[in-house]
Amino acid sequence: MRLDKFLKISRLIKRRTLAKEVADQGRISINGAQSKAASNVAVGDELTIQFGQKVLTIEIKDLRENVNKNEAASLYEIKKEEPVNQD
């Protein structure tokens, strides 16, 4: 599944176009490698996403084409959530 589609379906990012912009700005990595919106994700991959002033690290637990709002959080597990380093 494409990275931007996973971010939208999992509701980590509300719109697919916004997910594409964030990925193309280099603020998302998959298993430590910089990623683009078209990058493929798989179960077990670790995503690191920089949102404004925080960095979120998640592990993908499931991939589905459609999911309701209540089940969206079951697609991933949050590993770490930390503030951006202000050096």
Protein backbone atom coordinates (compact mmCIF):
# COMPACT_ATOMS: atom_id res chain seq x y z
CA MET A 1 0.00 0.00 0.00
CA ARG A 2 1.23 3.51 -0.74
CA LEU A 3 2.48 5.55 2.21
CA ASP A 4 0.11 8.49 1.61
CA LYS A 5 -2.90 6.15 1.40
CA PHE A 6 -1.94 4.37 4.63
CA LEU A 7 -1.59 7.69 6.48
CA LYS A 8 -5.07 8.75 5.34
CA ILE A 9 -6.79 5.41 6.07
CA SER A 10 -5.15 5.16 9.51
CA ARG A 11 -6.20 8.79 10.13
CA LEU A 12 -2.69 9.80 11.20
CA ILE A 13 -3.05 12.56 8.59
CA LYS A 14 -6.55 13.66 7.62
CA ARG A 15 -6.14 14.17 3.84
CA ARG A 16 -4.12 12.22 1.30
CA THR A 17 -2.88 15.42 -0.38
CA LEU A 18 -1.54 16.63 2.97
CA ALA A 19 0.11 13.24 3.55
CA LYS A 20 1.78 13.57 0.14
CA GLU A 21 3.08 17.06 0.97
CA VAL A 22 4.50 15.93 4.33
CA ALA A 23 6.22 12.92 2.71
CA ASP A 24 7.64 14.99 -0.16
CA GLN A 25 9.09 17.47 2.36
CA GLY A 26 11.21 14.61 3.77
CA ARG A 27 9.44 14.51 7.14
CA ILE A 28 8.59 10.79 6.97
CA SER A 29 10.94 7.83 7.04
CA ILE A 30 10.22 4.11 6.70
CA ASN A 31 12.60 1.86 8.65
CA GLY A 32 15.08 4.75 8.87
CA ALA A 33 15.10 5.63 5.13
CA GLN A 34 13.63 8.88 3.76
CA SER A 35 10.35 8.17 1.98
CA LYS A 36 8.15 9.66 -0.69
CA ALA A 37 4.35 9.49 -0.86
CA ALA A 38 4.48 6.65 -3.41
CA SER A 39 6.72 4.47 -1.21
CA ASN A 40 5.20 1.12 -0.33
CA VAL A 41 4.57 0.19 3.30
CA ALA A 42 4.11 -3.29 4.75
CA VAL A 43 3.06 -4.82 8.05
CA GLY A 44 5.96 -4.55 10.50
CA ASP A 45 7.43 -1.37 8.96
CA GLU A 46 8.39 1.41 11.38
CA LEU A 47 7.38 4.93 10.35
CA THR A 48 8.87 8.08 11.82
CA ILE A 49 6.75 11.17 11.15
CA GLN A 50 7.63 14.74 12.08
CA PHE A 51 4.49 16.75 12.93
CA GLY A 52 5.32 20.37 13.72
CA GLN A 53 6.96 20.22 17.14
CA LYS A 54 6.80 16.45 17.74
CA VAL A 55 8.18 13.27 16.23
CA LEU A 56 5.95 10.19 16.19
CA THR A 57 7.31 6.67 15.69
CA ILE A 58 4.78 3.96 14.87
CA GLU A 59 4.81 0.33 13.79
CA ILE A 60 2.33 -0.81 11.13
CA LYS A 61 0.18 -3.65 12.49
CA ASP A 62 -2.35 -4.12 9.67
CA LEU A 63 -3.10 -2.90 6.14
CA ARG A 64 -6.68 -2.54 4.94
CA GLU A 65 -8.32 -0.71 2.04
CA ASN A 66 -11.21 0.59 4.13
CA VAL A 67 -11.59 1.00 7.86
CA ASN A 68 -14.10 2.84 10.01
CA LYS A 69 -13.05 5.62 12.36
CA ASN A 70 -13.22 3.46 15.48
CA GLU A 71 -10.87 0.82 14.04
CA ALA A 72 -8.32 3.18 12.44
CA ALA A 73 -5.99 3.16 15.47
CA SER A 74 -5.76 -0.64 15.30
CA LEU A 75 -3.73 -0.35 12.07
CA TYR A 76 -0.66 0.89 13.96
CA GLU A 77 1.02 0.93 17.36
CA ILE A 78 2.70 4.05 18.72
CA LYS A 79 6.27 3.24 19.73
CA LYS A 80 7.54 6.72 20.66
CA GLU A 81 6.26 10.27 20.79
CA GLU A 82 8.83 12.94 21.54
CA PRO A 83 9.32 16.68 21.03
CA VAL A 84 11.52 17.93 18.18
CA ASN A 85 15.04 18.74 19.36
CA GLN A 86 15.54 22.52 19.43
CA ASP A 87 19.34 22.79 19.04
